[in-house]
Amino acid sequence: MQASLSAALSRVAGEVAAALEDLLPPVEGAEGRLAEAMRYSTLGGGKRLRAFLAMESAALFSVDRRCAARVGAAIEMLHAYSLVHDDLPAMDDDDLRRGRPSCHCAFDEATAILAGDALQTRAFEILAEPDTHSNPDARCELVVALAHAAGARGMVGGQMIDMLSEGQALTAEQITRLQALKTGRLIQFSTEAGAILGRAGMAQRHLLAAYGRDLGAAFQIADDLLDAVGTTEETGKTAGKDAAAGKATLVAALGVERARAQAEALADQASAQLESFGAKADLLRALANYVVARRS
């Protein structure tokens, strides 16, 4: 199954890269530098995990792959915007992202801010376009769900809590909530998006949301473990940065071994949410195992 997952991840990465190329073309004229920064930040690699979740959950309901790839591309733009802003000197102040200079280093700080702004708005524009889904209700649901996941009660709110908590001793419960907002909500939306595209019933949508919630929690713990015990060469970003900045993580709160056990338990719990989907969800189950075993 691991070989099948690797092949599927590569296939989806290719489909999403093609969609991103189409949806973020180079631009001539004065705003060309902005388009270049947007493309640099979005087309420069990455695991495309969120896009994979959207496309594979959509596949459970036989959604047209071109439509699913558009949603996957929109999610990757939203994610890229968050990384561009996260790396800024006013935020985490990181010069390295995906193994190369962060956007504000490759361009400049003002361009990076504008590129993030433009990527965010482009993501919502794509979700609202008829080519994404013929049913306007589906498009509206996608827009609203992503807004909830990305806004003040989701990813952005989590980033605010993360910044305020630097150097503070948070409880495991507080850290779990922080990470659910900052990382988990967008991953949860990615799995829900396929059900929205497929016009699935609320029961199936809730199951996929629960899978995404547990997967997102496992993913963030694994990310924190990589920061603690991985290398810059493996991860493509500055290792050891969390501890140096006094970031609140479950690795710091629980220790490496207990945090790793927690991530594995969450991955198992995520897989269990997919029982009713049968063999059709095997790749999503395999992804849960991959998330906690990865080295990058």
Protein backbone atom coordinates (compact mmCIF):
# COMPACT_ATOMS: atom_id res chain seq x y z
CA MET A 1 0.00 0.00 0.00
CA GLN A 2 2.92 2.34 0.68
CA ALA A 3 4.03 2.03 -2.96
CA SER A 4 0.48 2.76 -4.10
CA LEU A 5 0.35 5.81 -1.84
CA SER A 6 3.66 7.12 -3.18
CA ALA A 7 2.40 6.73 -6.73
CA ALA A 8 -0.88 8.43 -5.87
CA LEU A 9 0.88 11.33 -4.12
CA SER A 10 3.08 11.83 -7.19
CA ARG A 11 0.08 11.67 -9.52
CA VAL A 12 -1.88 14.23 -7.52
CA ALA A 13 1.17 16.50 -7.19
CA GLY A 14 1.42 16.50 -10.99
CA GLU A 15 -2.27 17.22 -11.47
CA VAL A 16 -2.22 20.05 -8.96
CA ALA A 17 0.98 21.51 -10.40
CA ALA A 18 -0.68 21.61 -13.82
CA ALA A 19 -3.76 23.28 -12.32
CA LEU A 20 -1.60 25.83 -10.51
CA GLU A 21 0.29 26.63 -13.72
CA ASP A 22 -3.02 27.24 -15.45
CA LEU A 23 -4.57 29.25 -12.60
CA LEU A 24 -1.46 31.33 -11.79
CA PRO A 25 0.00 32.26 -15.20
CA PRO A 26 2.93 34.66 -15.59
CA VAL A 27 1.83 38.26 -16.03
CA GLU A 28 3.36 40.98 -18.20
CA GLY A 29 3.54 44.56 -17.05
CA ALA A 30 4.01 46.34 -13.76
CA GLU A 31 2.33 43.66 -11.66
CA GLY A 32 4.50 40.91 -13.14
CA ARG A 33 6.76 40.84 -10.07
CA LEU A 34 3.74 40.08 -7.88
CA ALA A 35 2.70 37.18 -10.12
CA GLU A 36 6.30 35.90 -10.06
CA ALA A 37 6.32 35.93 -6.24
CA MET A 38 2.97 34.14 -6.15
CA ARG A 39 4.25 31.45 -8.50
CA TYR A 40 7.54 31.15 -6.61
CA SER A 41 5.70 30.55 -3.36
CA THR A 42 3.14 28.11 -4.72
CA LEU A 43 4.92 26.16 -7.46
CA GLY A 44 8.12 25.58 -5.48
CA GLY A 45 7.43 22.03 -4.38
CA GLY A 46 5.82 20.88 -1.16
CA LYS A 47 4.06 17.63 -0.30
CA ARG A 48 0.66 18.78 -1.65
CA LEU A 49 -0.85 16.90 1.27
CA ARG A 50 -3.90 19.15 1.52
CA ALA A 51 -4.60 18.93 -2.19
CA PHE A 52 -4.23 15.16 -1.98
CA LEU A 53 -6.82 15.02 0.79
CA ALA A 54 -9.26 17.09 -1.25
CA MET A 55 -8.81 15.00 -4.38
CA GLU A 56 -8.92 11.63 -2.66
CA SER A 57 -11.98 12.50 -0.59
CA ALA A 58 -13.62 13.74 -3.80
CA ALA A 59 -12.74 10.45 -5.47
CA LEU A 60 -14.88 8.63 -2.89
CA PHE A 61 -17.88 10.28 -4.59
CA SER A 62 -16.62 10.01 -8.21
CA VAL A 63 -16.08 13.75 -8.60
CA ASP A 64 -14.51 14.91 -11.88
CA ARG A 65 -10.75 15.07 -11.20
CA ARG A 66 -10.37 18.40 -13.01
CA CYS A 67 -12.85 20.00 -10.63
CA ALA A 68 -11.17 18.39 -7.63
CA ALA A 69 -7.76 19.58 -8.86
CA ARG A 70 -9.05 23.15 -8.97
CA VAL A 71 -10.12 22.87 -5.34
CA GLY A 72 -6.79 21.26 -4.47
CA ALA A 73 -4.97 24.13 -6.18
CA ALA A 74 -7.04 26.70 -4.30
CA ILE A 75 -6.20 25.04 -0.99
CA GLU A 76 -2.50 25.00 -1.89
CA MET A 77 -2.66 28.73 -2.67
CA LEU A 78 -4.28 29.43 0.69
CA HIS A 79 -1.66 27.27 2.40
CA ALA A 80 1.16 28.98 0.50
CA TYR A 81 -0.12 32.40 1.56
CA SER A 82 -0.02 31.28 5.20
CA LEU A 83 3.58 30.07 4.83
CA VAL A 84 4.70 33.29 3.13
CA HIS A 85 3.27 35.37 5.97
CA ASP A 86 4.43 32.90 8.65
CA ASP A 87 8.04 33.30 7.47
CA LEU A 88 7.98 37.11 7.64
CA PRO A 89 10.29 38.89 10.12
CA ALA A 90 7.23 40.05 12.08
CA MET A 91 6.07 36.44 12.49
CA ASP A 92 8.45 33.46 12.69
CA ASP A 93 11.29 35.25 10.85
CA ASP A 94 12.47 32.23 8.84
CA ASP A 95 14.74 32.54 5.82
CA LEU A 96 14.25 29.00 4.52
CA ARG A 97 11.14 27.31 3.13
CA ARG A 98 10.95 24.05 1.15
CA GLY A 99 14.73 24.00 0.85
CA ARG A 100 15.13 27.46 -0.69
CA PRO A 101 14.93 31.13 0.37
CA SER A 102 11.60 32.23 1.83
CA CYS A 103 9.54 34.59 -0.32
CA HIS A 104 10.59 37.74 1.55
CA CYS A 105 14.25 36.77 1.06
CA ALA A 106 13.91 35.88 -2.61
CA PHE A 107 11.97 39.09 -3.32
CA ASP A 108 11.43 41.58 -0.48
CA GLU A 109 9.17 41.92 2.53
CA ALA A 110 6.54 44.15 0.89
CA THR A 111 6.28 41.88 -2.15
CA ALA A 112 5.92 38.84 0.10
CA ILE A 113 3.04 40.45 2.00
CA LEU A 114 1.28 41.36 -1.24
CA ALA A 115 1.92 37.91 -2.73
CA GLY A 116 0.32 36.29 0.32
CA ASP A 117 -2.66 38.63 0.10
CA ALA A 118 -3.13 37.89 -3.58
CA LEU A 119 -2.81 34.12 -3.14
CA GLN A 120 -5.50 34.18 -0.47
CA THR A 121 -7.97 36.12 -2.60
CA ARG A 122 -7.22 34.02 -5.69
CA ALA A 123 -8.05 30.86 -3.74
CA PHE A 124 -11.55 32.10 -2.93
CA GLU A 125 -12.02 33.36 -6.48
CA ILE A 126 -11.30 29.87 -7.84
CA LEU A 127 -13.75 28.21 -5.45
CA ALA A 128 -16.47 30.63 -6.58
CA GLU A 129 -15.95 30.05 -10.32
CA PRO A 130 -18.43 27.84 -12.25
CA ASP A 131 -15.58 25.65 -13.57
CA THR A 132 -15.08 24.40 -10.00
CA HIS A 133 -18.64 23.07 -9.70
CA SER A 134 -21.80 23.52 -11.75
CA ASN A 135 -23.94 23.82 -8.59
CA PRO A 136 -23.74 27.32 -7.04
CA ASP A 137 -24.72 25.87 -3.65
CA ALA A 138 -21.62 23.69 -3.70
CA ARG A 139 -19.43 26.67 -4.58
CA CYS A 140 -20.92 28.74 -1.78
CA GLU A 141 -20.40 25.91 0.71
CA LEU A 142 -16.75 25.60 -0.31
CA VAL A 143 -16.18 29.34 0.12
CA VAL A 144 -17.86 29.50 3.53
CA ALA A 145 -16.14 26.36 4.82
CA LEU A 146 -12.70 27.57 3.75
CA ALA A 147 -13.36 31.00 5.29
CA HIS A 148 -14.20 29.35 8.60
CA ALA A 149 -11.09 27.16 8.43
CA ALA A 150 -8.72 29.98 7.52
CA GLY A 151 -10.03 32.94 9.52
CA ALA A 152 -9.95 34.29 13.06
CA ARG A 153 -11.51 31.13 14.49
CA GLY A 154 -9.25 28.89 12.45
CA MET A 155 -5.75 29.17 11.00
CA VAL A 156 -5.23 32.90 11.58
CA GLY A 157 -6.56 32.69 15.13
CA GLY A 158 -4.19 29.81 15.80
CA GLN A 159 -1.26 31.85 14.50
CA MET A 160 -2.19 34.67 16.88
CA ILE A 161 -2.29 32.28 19.85
CA ASP A 162 1.02 30.77 18.72
CA MET A 163 2.71 34.16 18.71
CA LEU A 164 1.27 35.18 22.08
CA SER A 165 2.31 31.88 23.68
CA GLU A 166 6.02 32.09 22.85
CA GLY A 167 8.01 31.55 26.02
CA GLN A 168 4.93 30.53 28.02
CA ALA A 169 4.25 27.13 29.56
CA LEU A 170 0.96 25.98 28.04
CA THR A 171 -0.85 22.81 29.07
CA ALA A 172 -1.18 19.93 26.63
CA GLU A 173 -4.86 20.83 26.20
CA GLN A 174 -4.02 24.45 25.34
CA ILE A 175 -1.38 23.35 22.85
CA THR A 176 -3.81 20.90 21.26
CA ARG A 177 -6.35 23.69 20.73
CA LEU A 178 -3.69 26.03 19.31
CA GLN A 179 -2.58 23.41 16.81
CA ALA A 180 -6.15 22.43 15.90
CA LEU A 181 -6.74 26.03 14.85
CA LYS A 182 -3.39 26.83 13.23
CA THR A 183 -2.89 23.59 11.30
CA GLY A 184 -5.81 21.24 11.81
CA ARG A 185 -8.67 23.36 10.50
CA LEU A 186 -7.24 23.68 6.98
CA ILE A 187 -6.47 19.95 6.84
CA GLN A 188 -10.00 19.23 8.07
CA PHE A 189 -11.43 21.49 5.36
CA SER A 190 -9.37 19.66 2.75
CA THR A 191 -11.07 16.37 3.58
CA GLU A 192 -14.51 17.98 3.84
CA ALA A 193 -14.06 19.66 0.46
CA GLY A 194 -14.32 16.34 -1.37
CA ALA A 195 -17.63 15.60 0.32
CA ILE A 196 -18.92 19.07 -0.56
CA LEU A 197 -17.89 18.57 -4.20
CA GLY A 198 -19.56 15.16 -4.20
CA ARG A 199 -22.76 16.54 -2.61
CA ALA A 200 -22.43 13.87 0.07
CA GLY A 201 -24.82 13.59 3.00
CA MET A 202 -23.98 15.17 6.34
CA ALA A 203 -23.12 11.82 7.94
CA GLN A 204 -20.37 11.16 5.41
CA ARG A 205 -19.20 14.76 5.56
CA HIS A 206 -18.90 14.55 9.35
CA LEU A 207 -16.89 11.33 9.12
CA LEU A 208 -14.44 12.89 6.68
CA ALA A 209 -14.22 16.00 8.86
CA ALA A 210 -13.41 13.81 11.88
CA TYR A 211 -10.75 12.00 9.86
CA GLY A 212 -9.24 15.36 8.86
CA ARG A 213 -9.34 16.63 12.44
CA ASP A 214 -7.45 13.61 13.79
CA LEU A 215 -5.06 13.56 10.83
CA GLY A 216 -4.31 17.25 11.28
CA ALA A 217 -3.45 16.74 14.94
CA ALA A 218 -1.17 13.81 14.11
CA PHE A 219 0.46 15.79 11.30
CA GLN A 220 1.31 18.73 13.55
CA ILE A 221 2.84 16.53 16.25
CA ALA A 222 4.91 14.78 13.58
CA ASP A 223 6.00 18.20 12.27
CA ASP A 224 7.05 19.23 15.78
CA LEU A 225 8.98 15.97 16.15
CA LEU A 226 10.83 16.67 12.91
CA ASP A 227 11.73 20.13 14.16
CA ALA A 228 13.02 18.62 17.40
CA VAL A 229 14.92 15.61 16.09
CA GLY A 230 15.18 16.11 12.30
CA THR A 231 17.72 18.05 10.27
CA THR A 232 17.42 21.12 8.07
CA GLU A 233 18.45 18.98 5.08
CA GLU A 234 15.60 16.52 5.71
CA THR A 235 12.86 19.03 6.38
CA GLY A 236 13.78 21.82 3.96
CA LYS A 237 13.28 24.41 6.72
CA THR A 238 15.31 25.52 9.71
CA ALA A 239 15.41 22.69 12.26
CA GLY A 240 15.31 23.41 15.99
CA LYS A 241 13.54 26.71 15.43
CA ASP A 242 10.58 25.90 17.71
CA ALA A 243 12.70 25.24 20.78
CA ALA A 244 14.91 28.26 20.11
CA ALA A 245 11.83 30.52 19.90
CA GLY A 246 10.17 28.99 22.95
CA LYS A 247 7.25 27.70 20.88
CA ALA A 248 4.51 25.74 22.62
CA THR A 249 4.51 22.19 21.21
CA LEU A 250 3.39 18.81 22.47
CA VAL A 251 6.97 17.61 22.06
CA ALA A 252 8.04 20.21 24.61
CA ALA A 253 5.10 19.41 26.89
CA LEU A 254 5.16 15.60 26.69
CA GLY A 255 8.65 14.67 25.54
CA VAL A 256 9.61 12.97 22.28
CA GLU A 257 8.41 9.45 23.04
CA ARG A 258 5.01 10.39 24.48
CA ALA A 259 4.42 12.86 21.66
CA ARG A 260 5.26 10.19 19.09
CA ALA A 261 2.86 7.74 20.76
CA GLN A 262 0.15 10.42 20.72
CA ALA A 263 0.67 11.02 17.00
CA GLU A 264 0.43 7.29 16.26
CA ALA A 265 -2.78 6.98 18.32
CA LEU A 266 -4.32 9.92 16.44
CA ALA A 267 -3.37 8.37 13.10
CA ASP A 268 -5.09 5.12 14.10
CA GLN A 269 -8.13 7.09 15.22
CA ALA A 270 -8.22 8.93 11.90
CA SER A 271 -8.17 5.65 9.97
CA ALA A 272 -11.02 4.29 12.08
CA GLN A 273 -13.23 7.20 10.95
CA LEU A 274 -13.12 5.78 7.41
CA GLU A 275 -14.49 2.32 8.16
CA SER A 276 -17.81 2.86 6.37
CA PHE A 277 -16.06 3.85 3.13
CA GLY A 278 -14.48 0.40 2.75
CA ALA A 279 -11.58 -0.23 0.38
CA LYS A 280 -12.25 3.02 -1.49
CA ALA A 281 -10.58 4.87 1.39
CA ASP A 282 -7.43 2.72 1.55
CA LEU A 283 -5.19 5.53 0.28
CA LEU A 284 -6.54 7.89 2.93
CA ARG A 285 -5.82 5.26 5.59
CA ALA A 286 -2.31 4.79 4.23
CA LEU A 287 -1.81 8.53 4.37
CA ALA A 288 -2.52 8.55 8.10
CA ASN A 289 0.37 6.11 8.62
CA TYR A 290 2.62 8.08 6.27
CA VAL A 291 1.99 11.34 8.12
CA VAL A 292 3.50 10.06 11.37
CA ALA A 293 6.34 8.08 9.75
CA ARG A 294 7.61 10.76 7.33
CA ARG A 295 11.08 12.29 7.59
CA SER A 296 10.34 15.55 5.76
